[in-house]
Amino acid sequence: GFDAAIFADTGWEPTAVYRHLDRLTGIAQTAGIDVVRVGAGDIRADAL
């Protein structure tokens, strides 16, 4: 197992990815794995 699964969020992921990530979070929590979302900002907003 893992102590944590770390997802780096660009702030501009497809809706399907965010929806899937929510589903994975539930699966991971059942197994005692922490899903953590980290980021460095919103890549689209930063680009503009």
All heavy atoms as atom14 arrays in JSON, in Angstrom:
{
  "sequence": "GFDAAIFADTGWEPTAVYRHLDRLTGIAQTAGIDVVRVGAGDIRADAL",
  "atom14_mask": [
    [1, 1, 1, 1, 0, 0, 0, 0, 0, 0, 0, 0, 0, 0],
    [1, 1, 1, 1, 1, 1, 1, 1, 1, 1, 1, 0, 0, 0],
    [1, 1, 1, 1, 1, 1, 1, 1, 0, 0, 0, 0, 0, 0],
    [1, 1, 1, 1, 1, 0, 0, 0, 0, 0, 0, 0, 0, 0],
    [1, 1, 1, 1, 1, 0, 0, 0, 0, 0, 0, 0, 0, 0],
    [1, 1, 1, 1, 1, 1, 1, 1, 0, 0, 0, 0, 0, 0],
    [1, 1, 1, 1, 1, 1, 1, 1, 1, 1, 1, 0, 0, 0],
    [1, 1, 1, 1, 1, 0, 0, 0, 0, 0, 0, 0, 0, 0],
    [1, 1, 1, 1, 1, 1, 1, 1, 0, 0, 0, 0, 0, 0],
    [1, 1, 1, 1, 1, 1, 1, 0, 0, 0, 0, 0, 0, 0],
    [1, 1, 1, 1, 0, 0, 0, 0, 0, 0, 0, 0, 0, 0],
    [1, 1, 1, 1, 1, 1, 1, 1, 1, 1, 1, 1, 1, 1],
    [1, 1, 1, 1, 1, 1, 1, 1, 1, 0, 0, 0, 0, 0],
    [1, 1, 1, 1, 1, 1, 1, 0, 0, 0, 0, 0, 0, 0],
    [1, 1, 1, 1, 1, 1, 1, 0, 0, 0, 0, 0, 0, 0],
    [1, 1, 1, 1, 1, 0, 0, 0, 0, 0, 0, 0, 0, 0],
    [1, 1, 1, 1, 1, 1, 1, 0, 0, 0, 0, 0, 0, 0],
    [1, 1, 1, 1, 1, 1, 1, 1, 1, 1, 1, 1, 0, 0],
    [1, 1, 1, 1, 1, 1, 1, 1, 1, 1, 1, 0, 0, 0],
    [1, 1, 1, 1, 1, 1, 1, 1, 1, 1, 0, 0, 0, 0],
    [1, 1, 1, 1, 1, 1, 1, 1, 0, 0, 0, 0, 0, 0],
    [1, 1, 1, 1, 1, 1, 1, 1, 0, 0, 0, 0, 0, 0],
    [1, 1, 1, 1, 1, 1, 1, 1, 1, 1, 1, 0, 0, 0],
    [1, 1, 1, 1, 1, 1, 1, 1, 0, 0, 0, 0, 0, 0],
    [1, 1, 1, 1, 1, 1, 1, 0, 0, 0, 0, 0, 0, 0],
    [1, 1, 1, 1, 0, 0, 0, 0, 0, 0, 0, 0, 0, 0],
    [1, 1, 1, 1, 1, 1, 1, 1, 0, 0, 0, 0, 0, 0],
    [1, 1, 1, 1, 1, 0, 0, 0, 0, 0, 0, 0, 0, 0],
    [1, 1, 1, 1, 1, 1, 1, 1, 1, 0, 0, 0, 0, 0],
    [1, 1, 1, 1, 1, 1, 1, 0, 0, 0, 0, 0, 0, 0],
    [1, 1, 1, 1, 1, 0, 0, 0, 0, 0, 0, 0, 0, 0],
    [1, 1, 1, 1, 0, 0, 0, 0, 0, 0, 0, 0, 0, 0],
    [1, 1, 1, 1, 1, 1, 1, 1, 0, 0, 0, 0, 0, 0],
    [1, 1, 1, 1, 1, 1, 1, 1, 0, 0, 0, 0, 0, 0],
    [1, 1, 1, 1, 1, 1, 1, 0, 0, 0, 0, 0, 0, 0],
    [1, 1, 1, 1, 1, 1, 1, 0, 0, 0, 0, 0, 0, 0],
    [1, 1, 1, 1, 1, 1, 1, 1, 1, 1, 1, 0, 0, 0],
    [1, 1, 1, 1, 1, 1, 1, 0, 0, 0, 0, 0, 0, 0],
    [1, 1, 1, 1, 0, 0, 0, 0, 0, 0, 0, 0, 0, 0],
    [1, 1, 1, 1, 1, 0, 0, 0, 0, 0, 0, 0, 0, 0],
    [1, 1, 1, 1, 0, 0, 0, 0, 0, 0, 0, 0, 0, 0],
    [1, 1, 1, 1, 1, 1, 1, 1, 0, 0, 0, 0, 0, 0],
    [1, 1, 1, 1, 1, 1, 1, 1, 0, 0, 0, 0, 0, 0],
    [1, 1, 1, 1, 1, 1, 1, 1, 1, 1, 1, 0, 0, 0],
    [1, 1, 1, 1, 1, 0, 0, 0, 0, 0, 0, 0, 0, 0],
    [1, 1, 1, 1, 1, 1, 1, 1, 0, 0, 0, 0, 0, 0],
    [1, 1, 1, 1, 1, 0, 0, 0, 0, 0, 0, 0, 0, 0],
    [1, 1, 1, 1, 1, 1, 1, 1, 0, 0, 0, 0, 0, 0]
  ],
  "atom14_positions": [
    [[0.8, -1.22, 0.0], [0.0, 0.0, 0.0], [0.83, 1.26, 0.0], [2.07, 1.23, 0.01], [0.0, 0.0, 0.0], [0.0, 0.0, 0.0], [0.0, 0.0, 0.0], [0.0, 0.0, 0.0], [0.0, 0.0, 0.0], [0.0, 0.0, 0.0], [0.0, 0.0, 0.0], [0.0, 0.0, 0.0], [0.0, 0.0, 0.0], [0.0, 0.0, 0.0]],
    [[0.13, 2.39, -0.02], [0.77, 3.69, -0.03], [0.31, 4.51, 1.17], [-0.85, 4.41, 1.59], [0.43, 4.45, -1.32], [0.82, 3.72, -2.57], [-0.16, 3.18, -3.41], [2.15, 3.57, -2.92], [0.2, 2.5, -4.57], [2.51, 2.88, -4.07], [1.54, 2.36, -4.89], [0.0, 0.0, 0.0], [0.0, 0.0, 0.0], [0.0, 0.0, 0.0]],
    [[1.2, 5.32, 1.7], [0.81, 6.26, 2.75], [-0.12, 7.31, 2.17], [-1.03, 7.78, 2.85], [2.05, 6.94, 3.34], [2.99, 5.93, 3.98], [2.57, 5.28, 4.95], [4.12, 5.78, 3.49], [0.0, 0.0, 0.0], [0.0, 0.0, 0.0], [0.0, 0.0, 0.0], [0.0, 0.0, 0.0], [0.0, 0.0, 0.0], [0.0, 0.0, 0.0]],
    [[0.14, 7.69, 0.93], [-0.7, 8.68, 0.27], [-0.53, 8.56, -1.24], [0.52, 8.15, -1.73], [-0.35, 10.09, 0.72], [0.0, 0.0, 0.0], [0.0, 0.0, 0.0], [0.0, 0.0, 0.0], [0.0, 0.0, 0.0], [0.0, 0.0, 0.0], [0.0, 0.0, 0.0], [0.0, 0.0, 0.0], [0.0, 0.0, 0.0], [0.0, 0.0, 0.0]],
    [[-1.6, 8.9, -1.95], [-1.56, 9.06, -3.41], [-1.66, 10.56, -3.67], [-2.63, 11.19, -3.24], [-2.71, 8.3, -4.06], [0.0, 0.0, 0.0], [0.0, 0.0, 0.0], [0.0, 0.0, 0.0], [0.0, 0.0, 0.0], [0.0, 0.0, 0.0], [0.0, 0.0, 0.0], [0.0, 0.0, 0.0], [0.0, 0.0, 0.0], [0.0, 0.0, 0.0]],
    [[-0.67, 11.12, -4.34], [-0.57, 12.57, -4.49], [-0.94, 12.98, -5.91], [-0.29, 12.57, -6.88], [0.85, 13.06, -4.15], [1.28, 12.54, -2.78], [0.91, 14.59, -4.17], [2.73, 12.84, -2.43], [0.0, 0.0, 0.0], [0.0, 0.0, 0.0], [0.0, 0.0, 0.0], [0.0, 0.0, 0.0], [0.0, 0.0, 0.0], [0.0, 0.0, 0.0]],
    [[-2.0, 13.77, -6.01], [-2.49, 14.26, -7.3], [-2.13, 15.73, -7.44], [-2.55, 16.56, -6.63], [-4.0, 14.08, -7.4], [-4.61, 14.64, -8.67], [-4.57, 13.92, -9.84], [-5.23, 15.89, -8.67], [-5.13, 14.42, -11.02], [-5.79, 16.4, -9.83], [-5.74, 15.67, -11.01], [0.0, 0.0, 0.0], [0.0, 0.0, 0.0], [0.0, 0.0, 0.0]],
    [[-1.34, 16.06, -8.45], [-0.97, 17.46, -8.72], [-1.99, 18.05, -9.67], [-2.1, 17.63, -10.83], [0.44, 17.54, -9.32], [0.0, 0.0, 0.0], [0.0, 0.0, 0.0], [0.0, 0.0, 0.0], [0.0, 0.0, 0.0], [0.0, 0.0, 0.0], [0.0, 0.0, 0.0], [0.0, 0.0, 0.0], [0.0, 0.0, 0.0], [0.0, 0.0, 0.0]],
    [[-2.74, 19.0, -9.17], [-3.86, 19.61, -9.92], [-3.4, 20.89, -10.59], [-3.01, 21.85, -9.92], [-5.0, 19.9, -8.94], [-6.27, 20.34, -9.64], [-6.27, 20.48, -10.88], [-7.27, 20.56, -8.93], [0.0, 0.0, 0.0], [0.0, 0.0, 0.0], [0.0, 0.0, 0.0], [0.0, 0.0, 0.0], [0.0, 0.0, 0.0], [0.0, 0.0, 0.0]],
    [[-3.46, 20.92, -11.92], [-3.09, 22.13, -12.67], [-4.19, 23.18, -12.61], [-3.98, 24.32, -13.02], [-2.82, 21.8, -14.14], [-4.04, 21.35, -14.76], [-1.74, 20.74, -14.3], [0.0, 0.0, 0.0], [0.0, 0.0, 0.0], [0.0, 0.0, 0.0], [0.0, 0.0, 0.0], [0.0, 0.0, 0.0], [0.0, 0.0, 0.0], [0.0, 0.0, 0.0]],
    [[-5.37, 22.79, -12.13], [-6.51, 23.69, -12.16], [-7.24, 23.7, -13.49], [-8.25, 24.4, -13.64], [0.0, 0.0, 0.0], [0.0, 0.0, 0.0], [0.0, 0.0, 0.0], [0.0, 0.0, 0.0], [0.0, 0.0, 0.0], [0.0, 0.0, 0.0], [0.0, 0.0, 0.0], [0.0, 0.0, 0.0], [0.0, 0.0, 0.0], [0.0, 0.0, 0.0]],
    [[-6.76, 22.91, -14.44], [-7.35, 22.89, -15.78], [-7.43, 21.46, -16.3], [-7.14, 21.19, -17.44], [-6.54, 23.77, -16.72], [-7.28, 24.23, -17.96], [-8.62, 24.3, -18.14], [-6.68, 24.67, -19.19], [-8.91, 24.77, -19.41], [-7.74, 25.01, -20.08], [-5.37, 24.83, -19.63], [-7.51, 25.48, -21.37], [-5.14, 25.31, -20.91], [-6.2, 25.64, -21.77]],
    [[-7.83, 20.56, -15.41], [-7.99, 19.16, -15.8], [-9.38, 18.97, -16.41], [-10.32, 19.7, -16.08], [-7.84, 18.26, -14.58], [-6.56, 18.44, -13.79], [-5.31, 18.04, -14.55], [-5.39, 17.08, -15.36], [-4.27, 18.67, -14.36], [0.0, 0.0, 0.0], [0.0, 0.0, 0.0], [0.0, 0.0, 0.0], [0.0, 0.0, 0.0], [0.0, 0.0, 0.0]],
    [[-9.53, 17.98, -17.28], [-10.86, 17.69, -17.83], [-11.85, 17.31, -16.73], [-11.46, 16.73, -15.71], [-10.6, 16.51, -18.78], [-9.14, 16.59, -19.1], [-8.48, 17.12, -17.87], [0.0, 0.0, 0.0], [0.0, 0.0, 0.0], [0.0, 0.0, 0.0], [0.0, 0.0, 0.0], [0.0, 0.0, 0.0], [0.0, 0.0, 0.0], [0.0, 0.0, 0.0]],
    [[-13.1, 17.62, -16.95], [-14.15, 17.28, -15.98], [-14.13, 15.79, -15.66], [-14.31, 15.38, -14.5], [-15.53, 17.67, -16.52], [-15.55, 19.08, -16.75], [-16.63, 17.32, -15.54], [0.0, 0.0, 0.0], [0.0, 0.0, 0.0], [0.0, 0.0, 0.0], [0.0, 0.0, 0.0], [0.0, 0.0, 0.0], [0.0, 0.0, 0.0], [0.0, 0.0, 0.0]],
    [[-13.87, 14.96, -16.66], [-13.86, 13.51, -16.45], [-12.75, 13.09, -15.49], [-12.92, 12.14, -14.72], [-13.68, 12.79, -17.79], [0.0, 0.0, 0.0], [0.0, 0.0, 0.0], [0.0, 0.0, 0.0], [0.0, 0.0, 0.0], [0.0, 0.0, 0.0], [0.0, 0.0, 0.0], [0.0, 0.0, 0.0], [0.0, 0.0, 0.0], [0.0, 0.0, 0.0]],
    [[-11.63, 13.8, -15.51], [-10.52, 13.48, -14.6], [-10.9, 13.8, -13.16], [-10.68, 13.01, -12.24], [-9.24, 14.22, -15.01], [-8.17, 14.11, -13.91], [-8.7, 13.66, -16.32], [0.0, 0.0, 0.0], [0.0, 0.0, 0.0], [0.0, 0.0, 0.0], [0.0, 0.0, 0.0], [0.0, 0.0, 0.0], [0.0, 0.0, 0.0], [0.0, 0.0, 0.0]],
    [[-11.51, 14.98, -12.94], [-11.94, 15.34, -11.59], [-13.0, 14.36, -11.07], [-12.98, 13.97, -9.89], [-12.49, 16.76, -11.56], [-11.43, 17.82, -11.72], [-11.47, 18.73, -12.78], [-10.38, 17.93, -10.8], [-10.5, 19.71, -12.93], [-9.41, 18.92, -10.95], [-9.48, 19.81, -12.01], [-8.52, 20.77, -12.15], [0.0, 0.0, 0.0], [0.0, 0.0, 0.0]],
    [[-13.91, 13.97, -11.93], [-14.96, 13.03, -11.54], [-14.35, 11.68, -11.18], [-14.72, 11.05, -10.18], [-15.98, 12.89, -12.67], [-17.21, 12.07, -12.3], [-18.33, 12.29, -13.29], [-17.9, 12.11, -14.67], [-17.94, 13.07, -15.61], [-18.38, 14.29, -15.31], [-17.53, 12.83, -16.84], [0.0, 0.0, 0.0], [0.0, 0.0, 0.0], [0.0, 0.0, 0.0]],
    [[-13.39, 11.24, -11.99], [-12.71, 9.97, -11.74], [-11.89, 10.04, -10.45], [-11.85, 9.08, -9.67], [-11.81, 9.64, -12.93], [-11.06, 8.35, -12.8], [-11.7, 7.13, -12.7], [-9.73, 8.09, -12.74], [-10.79, 6.17, -12.61], [-9.6, 6.72, -12.62], [0.0, 0.0, 0.0], [0.0, 0.0, 0.0], [0.0, 0.0, 0.0], [0.0, 0.0, 0.0]],
    [[-11.26, 11.19, -10.21], [-10.46, 11.37, -8.99], [-11.33, 11.25, -7.75], [-10.92, 10.65, -6.74], [-9.75, 12.71, -9.03], [-8.82, 13.02, -7.85], [-7.67, 12.01, -7.78], [-8.26, 14.44, -7.98], [0.0, 0.0, 0.0], [0.0, 0.0, 0.0], [0.0, 0.0, 0.0], [0.0, 0.0, 0.0], [0.0, 0.0, 0.0], [0.0, 0.0, 0.0]],
    [[-12.53, 11.79, -7.79], [-13.46, 11.67, -6.67], [-13.79, 10.2, -6.41], [-13.87, 9.74, -5.26], [-14.75, 12.45, -6.94], [-14.55, 13.96, -6.89], [-13.57, 14.41, -6.27], [-15.38, 14.69, -7.48], [0.0, 0.0, 0.0], [0.0, 0.0, 0.0], [0.0, 0.0, 0.0], [0.0, 0.0, 0.0], [0.0, 0.0, 0.0], [0.0, 0.0, 0.0]],
    [[-13.97, 9.46, -7.49], [-14.27, 8.03, -7.36], [-13.08, 7.28, -6.76], [-13.24, 6.45, -5.86], [-14.63, 7.46, -8.74], [-14.9, 5.97, -8.76], [-15.46, 5.52, -10.1], [-14.61, 5.88, -11.22], [-14.85, 5.51, -12.48], [-15.94, 4.78, -12.76], [-14.04, 5.87, -13.46], [0.0, 0.0, 0.0], [0.0, 0.0, 0.0], [0.0, 0.0, 0.0]],
    [[-11.87, 7.62, -7.22], [-10.66, 6.98, -6.7], [-10.45, 7.3, -5.23], [-9.95, 6.47, -4.46], [-9.44, 7.42, -7.5], [-9.34, 6.94, -8.94], [-8.05, 7.43, -9.57], [-9.43, 5.42, -9.01], [0.0, 0.0, 0.0], [0.0, 0.0, 0.0], [0.0, 0.0, 0.0], [0.0, 0.0, 0.0], [0.0, 0.0, 0.0], [0.0, 0.0, 0.0]],
    [[-10.82, 8.52, -4.83], [-10.67, 8.92, -3.44], [-11.48, 8.01, -2.52], [-11.0, 7.59, -1.46], [-11.08, 10.39, -3.25], [-10.24, 11.21, -4.06], [-10.95, 10.82, -1.8], [0.0, 0.0, 0.0], [0.0, 0.0, 0.0], [0.0, 0.0, 0.0], [0.0, 0.0, 0.0], [0.0, 0.0, 0.0], [0.0, 0.0, 0.0], [0.0, 0.0, 0.0]],
    [[-12.68, 7.67, -2.94], [-13.51, 6.76, -2.17], [-12.9, 5.37, -2.07], [-12.88, 4.75, -0.99], [0.0, 0.0, 0.0], [0.0, 0.0, 0.0], [0.0, 0.0, 0.0], [0.0, 0.0, 0.0], [0.0, 0.0, 0.0], [0.0, 0.0, 0.0], [0.0, 0.0, 0.0], [0.0, 0.0, 0.0], [0.0, 0.0, 0.0], [0.0, 0.0, 0.0]],
    [[-12.37, 4.87, -3.19], [-11.73, 3.55, -3.21], [-10.51, 3.55, -2.29], [-10.29, 2.63, -1.5], [-11.32, 3.16, -4.64], [-12.57, 2.95, -5.52], [-10.44, 1.91, -4.65], [-12.26, 2.78, -6.99], [0.0, 0.0, 0.0], [0.0, 0.0, 0.0], [0.0, 0.0, 0.0], [0.0, 0.0, 0.0], [0.0, 0.0, 0.0], [0.0, 0.0, 0.0]],
    [[-9.71, 4.61, -2.37], [-8.49, 4.7, -1.57], [-8.8, 4.8, -0.09], [-8.14, 4.16, 0.74], [-7.67, 5.91, -2.02], [0.0, 0.0, 0.0], [0.0, 0.0, 0.0], [0.0, 0.0, 0.0], [0.0, 0.0, 0.0], [0.0, 0.0, 0.0], [0.0, 0.0, 0.0], [0.0, 0.0, 0.0], [0.0, 0.0, 0.0], [0.0, 0.0, 0.0]],
    [[-9.79, 5.59, 0.27], [-10.13, 5.76, 1.68], [-10.54, 4.45, 2.31], [-10.2, 4.16, 3.46], [-11.24, 6.8, 1.82], [-10.77, 8.23, 1.59], [-11.91, 9.24, 1.67], [-13.08, 8.88, 1.56], [-11.56, 10.51, 1.84], [0.0, 0.0, 0.0], [0.0, 0.0, 0.0], [0.0, 0.0, 0.0], [0.0, 0.0, 0.0], [0.0, 0.0, 0.0]],
    [[-11.27, 3.64, 1.57], [-11.68, 2.32, 2.08], [-10.47, 1.47, 2.41], [-10.51, 0.66, 3.35], [-12.56, 1.61, 1.04], [-13.72, 2.41, 0.77], [-13.0, 0.23, 1.54], [0.0, 0.0, 0.0], [0.0, 0.0, 0.0], [0.0, 0.0, 0.0], [0.0, 0.0, 0.0], [0.0, 0.0, 0.0], [0.0, 0.0, 0.0], [0.0, 0.0, 0.0]],
    [[-9.37, 1.66, 1.65], [-8.14, 0.88, 1.86], [-7.16, 1.58, 2.79], [-6.04, 1.1, 2.99], [-7.47, 0.62, 0.51], [0.0, 0.0, 0.0], [0.0, 0.0, 0.0], [0.0, 0.0, 0.0], [0.0, 0.0, 0.0], [0.0, 0.0, 0.0], [0.0, 0.0, 0.0], [0.0, 0.0, 0.0], [0.0, 0.0, 0.0], [0.0, 0.0, 0.0]],
    [[-7.55, 2.73, 3.34], [-6.67, 3.45, 4.25], [-5.57, 4.24, 3.57], [-4.55, 4.56, 4.18], [0.0, 0.0, 0.0], [0.0, 0.0, 0.0], [0.0, 0.0, 0.0], [0.0, 0.0, 0.0], [0.0, 0.0, 0.0], [0.0, 0.0, 0.0], [0.0, 0.0, 0.0], [0.0, 0.0, 0.0], [0.0, 0.0, 0.0], [0.0, 0.0, 0.0]],
    [[-5.79, 4.56, 2.3], [-4.81, 5.36, 1.54], [-5.34, 6.78, 1.41], [-6.46, 7.0, 0.95], [-4.57, 4.76, 0.14], [-4.04, 3.33, 0.25], [-3.6, 5.63, -0.66], [-3.95, 2.59, -1.07], [0.0, 0.0, 0.0], [0.0, 0.0, 0.0], [0.0, 0.0, 0.0], [0.0, 0.0, 0.0], [0.0, 0.0, 0.0], [0.0, 0.0, 0.0]],
    [[-4.54, 7.74, 1.79], [-4.93, 9.14, 1.73], [-4.69, 9.68, 0.32], [-3.6, 9.53, -0.23], [-4.08, 9.92, 2.74], [-4.56, 11.35, 2.94], [-5.71, 11.64, 2.57], [-3.78, 12.16, 3.47], [0.0, 0.0, 0.0], [0.0, 0.0, 0.0], [0.0, 0.0, 0.0], [0.0, 0.0, 0.0], [0.0, 0.0, 0.0], [0.0, 0.0, 0.0]],
    [[-5.7, 10.27, -0.29], [-5.54, 10.94, -1.58], [-5.41, 12.44, -1.32], [-6.3, 13.05, -0.73], [-6.72, 10.66, -2.53], [-6.6, 11.5, -3.81], [-6.76, 9.17, -2.9], [0.0, 0.0, 0.0], [0.0, 0.0, 0.0], [0.0, 0.0, 0.0], [0.0, 0.0, 0.0], [0.0, 0.0, 0.0], [0.0, 0.0, 0.0], [0.0, 0.0, 0.0]],
    [[-4.3, 13.0, -1.76], [-3.98, 14.4, -1.49], [-3.91, 15.16, -2.8], [-3.28, 14.7, -3.76], [-2.62, 14.53, -0.76], [-2.35, 15.98, -0.39], [-2.58, 13.65, 0.46], [0.0, 0.0, 0.0], [0.0, 0.0, 0.0], [0.0, 0.0, 0.0], [0.0, 0.0, 0.0], [0.0, 0.0, 0.0], [0.0, 0.0, 0.0], [0.0, 0.0, 0.0]],
    [[-4.57, 16.31, -2.85], [-4.49, 17.17, -4.02], [-3.58, 18.35, -3.71], [-3.77, 19.06, -2.73], [-5.88, 17.68, -4.41], [-6.88, 16.57, -4.67], [-8.18, 17.1, -5.26], [-9.22, 16.08, -5.26], [-10.31, 16.13, -6.01], [-10.52, 17.17, -6.81], [-11.22, 15.18, -5.95], [0.0, 0.0, 0.0], [0.0, 0.0, 0.0], [0.0, 0.0, 0.0]],
    [[-2.56, 18.52, -4.55], [-1.62, 19.64, -4.38], [-1.59, 20.43, -5.68], [-2.09, 19.98, -6.72], [-0.2, 19.13, -4.03], [-0.22, 18.37, -2.71], [0.35, 18.24, -5.15], [0.0, 0.0, 0.0], [0.0, 0.0, 0.0], [0.0, 0.0, 0.0], [0.0, 0.0, 0.0], [0.0, 0.0, 0.0], [0.0, 0.0, 0.0], [0.0, 0.0, 0.0]],
    [[-1.03, 21.61, -5.65], [-0.98, 22.4, -6.87], [-0.1, 23.62, -6.74], [0.29, 24.02, -5.63], [0.0, 0.0, 0.0], [0.0, 0.0, 0.0], [0.0, 0.0, 0.0], [0.0, 0.0, 0.0], [0.0, 0.0, 0.0], [0.0, 0.0, 0.0], [0.0, 0.0, 0.0], [0.0, 0.0, 0.0], [0.0, 0.0, 0.0], [0.0, 0.0, 0.0]],
    [[0.2, 24.22, -7.88], [1.02, 25.42, -7.93], [0.24, 26.58, -8.54], [0.82, 27.56, -8.99], [2.29, 25.16, -8.75], [0.0, 0.0, 0.0], [0.0, 0.0, 0.0], [0.0, 0.0, 0.0], [0.0, 0.0, 0.0], [0.0, 0.0, 0.0], [0.0, 0.0, 0.0], [0.0, 0.0, 0.0], [0.0, 0.0, 0.0], [0.0, 0.0, 0.0]],
    [[-1.1, 26.46, -8.57], [-1.92, 27.51, -9.17], [-2.77, 26.98, -10.29], [-2.83, 25.78, -10.53], [0.0, 0.0, 0.0], [0.0, 0.0, 0.0], [0.0, 0.0, 0.0], [0.0, 0.0, 0.0], [0.0, 0.0, 0.0], [0.0, 0.0, 0.0], [0.0, 0.0, 0.0], [0.0, 0.0, 0.0], [0.0, 0.0, 0.0], [0.0, 0.0, 0.0]],
    [[-3.43, 27.89, -10.97], [-4.31, 27.56, -12.09], [-3.55, 27.84, -13.38], [-3.28, 28.99, -13.73], [-5.58, 28.41, -12.02], [-6.6, 28.05, -13.09], [-6.19, 27.77, -14.23], [-7.79, 28.07, -12.78], [0.0, 0.0, 0.0], [0.0, 0.0, 0.0], [0.0, 0.0, 0.0], [0.0, 0.0, 0.0], [0.0, 0.0, 0.0], [0.0, 0.0, 0.0]],
    [[-3.17, 26.78, -14.1], [-2.3, 26.93, -15.25], [-2.95, 27.78, -16.36], [-2.26, 28.57, -17.02], [-1.88, 25.54, -15.81], [-0.74, 25.7, -16.81], [-3.06, 24.8, -16.4], [-0.15, 24.37, -17.23], [0.0, 0.0, 0.0], [0.0, 0.0, 0.0], [0.0, 0.0, 0.0], [0.0, 0.0, 0.0], [0.0, 0.0, 0.0], [0.0, 0.0, 0.0]],
    [[-4.25, 27.67, -16.53], [-4.93, 28.46, -17.56], [-4.96, 29.93, -17.18], [-4.64, 30.81, -18.0], [-6.35, 27.94, -17.79], [-7.09, 28.68, -18.9], [-8.45, 28.05, -19.15], [-9.12, 28.69, -20.25], [-9.88, 29.79, -20.16], [-10.04, 30.37, -18.96], [-10.45, 30.31, -21.22], [0.0, 0.0, 0.0], [0.0, 0.0, 0.0], [0.0, 0.0, 0.0]],
    [[-5.33, 30.22, -15.92], [-5.37, 31.61, -15.47], [-3.98, 32.23, -15.51], [-3.82, 33.39, -15.9], [-5.94, 31.67, -14.05], [0.0, 0.0, 0.0], [0.0, 0.0, 0.0], [0.0, 0.0, 0.0], [0.0, 0.0, 0.0], [0.0, 0.0, 0.0], [0.0, 0.0, 0.0], [0.0, 0.0, 0.0], [0.0, 0.0, 0.0], [0.0, 0.0, 0.0]],
    [[-2.98, 31.46, -15.13], [-1.61, 31.97, -15.16], [-1.16, 32.28, -16.58], [-0.46, 33.26, -16.84], [-0.65, 30.96, -14.54], [-0.87, 30.79, -13.04], [-1.57, 31.64, -12.45], [-0.35, 29.82, -12.47], [0.0, 0.0, 0.0], [0.0, 0.0, 0.0], [0.0, 0.0, 0.0], [0.0, 0.0, 0.0], [0.0, 0.0, 0.0], [0.0, 0.0, 0.0]],
    [[-1.59, 31.43, -17.53], [-1.22, 31.64, -18.93], [-1.82, 32.91, -19.49], [-1.24, 33.57, -20.36], [-1.65, 30.44, -19.77], [0.0, 0.0, 0.0], [0.0, 0.0, 0.0], [0.0, 0.0, 0.0], [0.0, 0.0, 0.0], [0.0, 0.0, 0.0], [0.0, 0.0, 0.0], [0.0, 0.0, 0.0], [0.0, 0.0, 0.0], [0.0, 0.0, 0.0]],
    [[-3.0, 33.27, -18.99], [-3.69, 34.46, -19.5], [-3.33, 35.74, -18.75], [-3.74, 36.83, -19.16], [-5.21, 34.24, -19.41], [-5.77, 33.09, -20.27], [-7.25, 32.87, -19.96], [-5.55, 33.36, -21.75], [0.0, 0.0, 0.0], [0.0, 0.0, 0.0], [0.0, 0.0, 0.0], [0.0, 0.0, 0.0], [0.0, 0.0, 0.0], [0.0, 0.0, 0.0]]
  ]
}
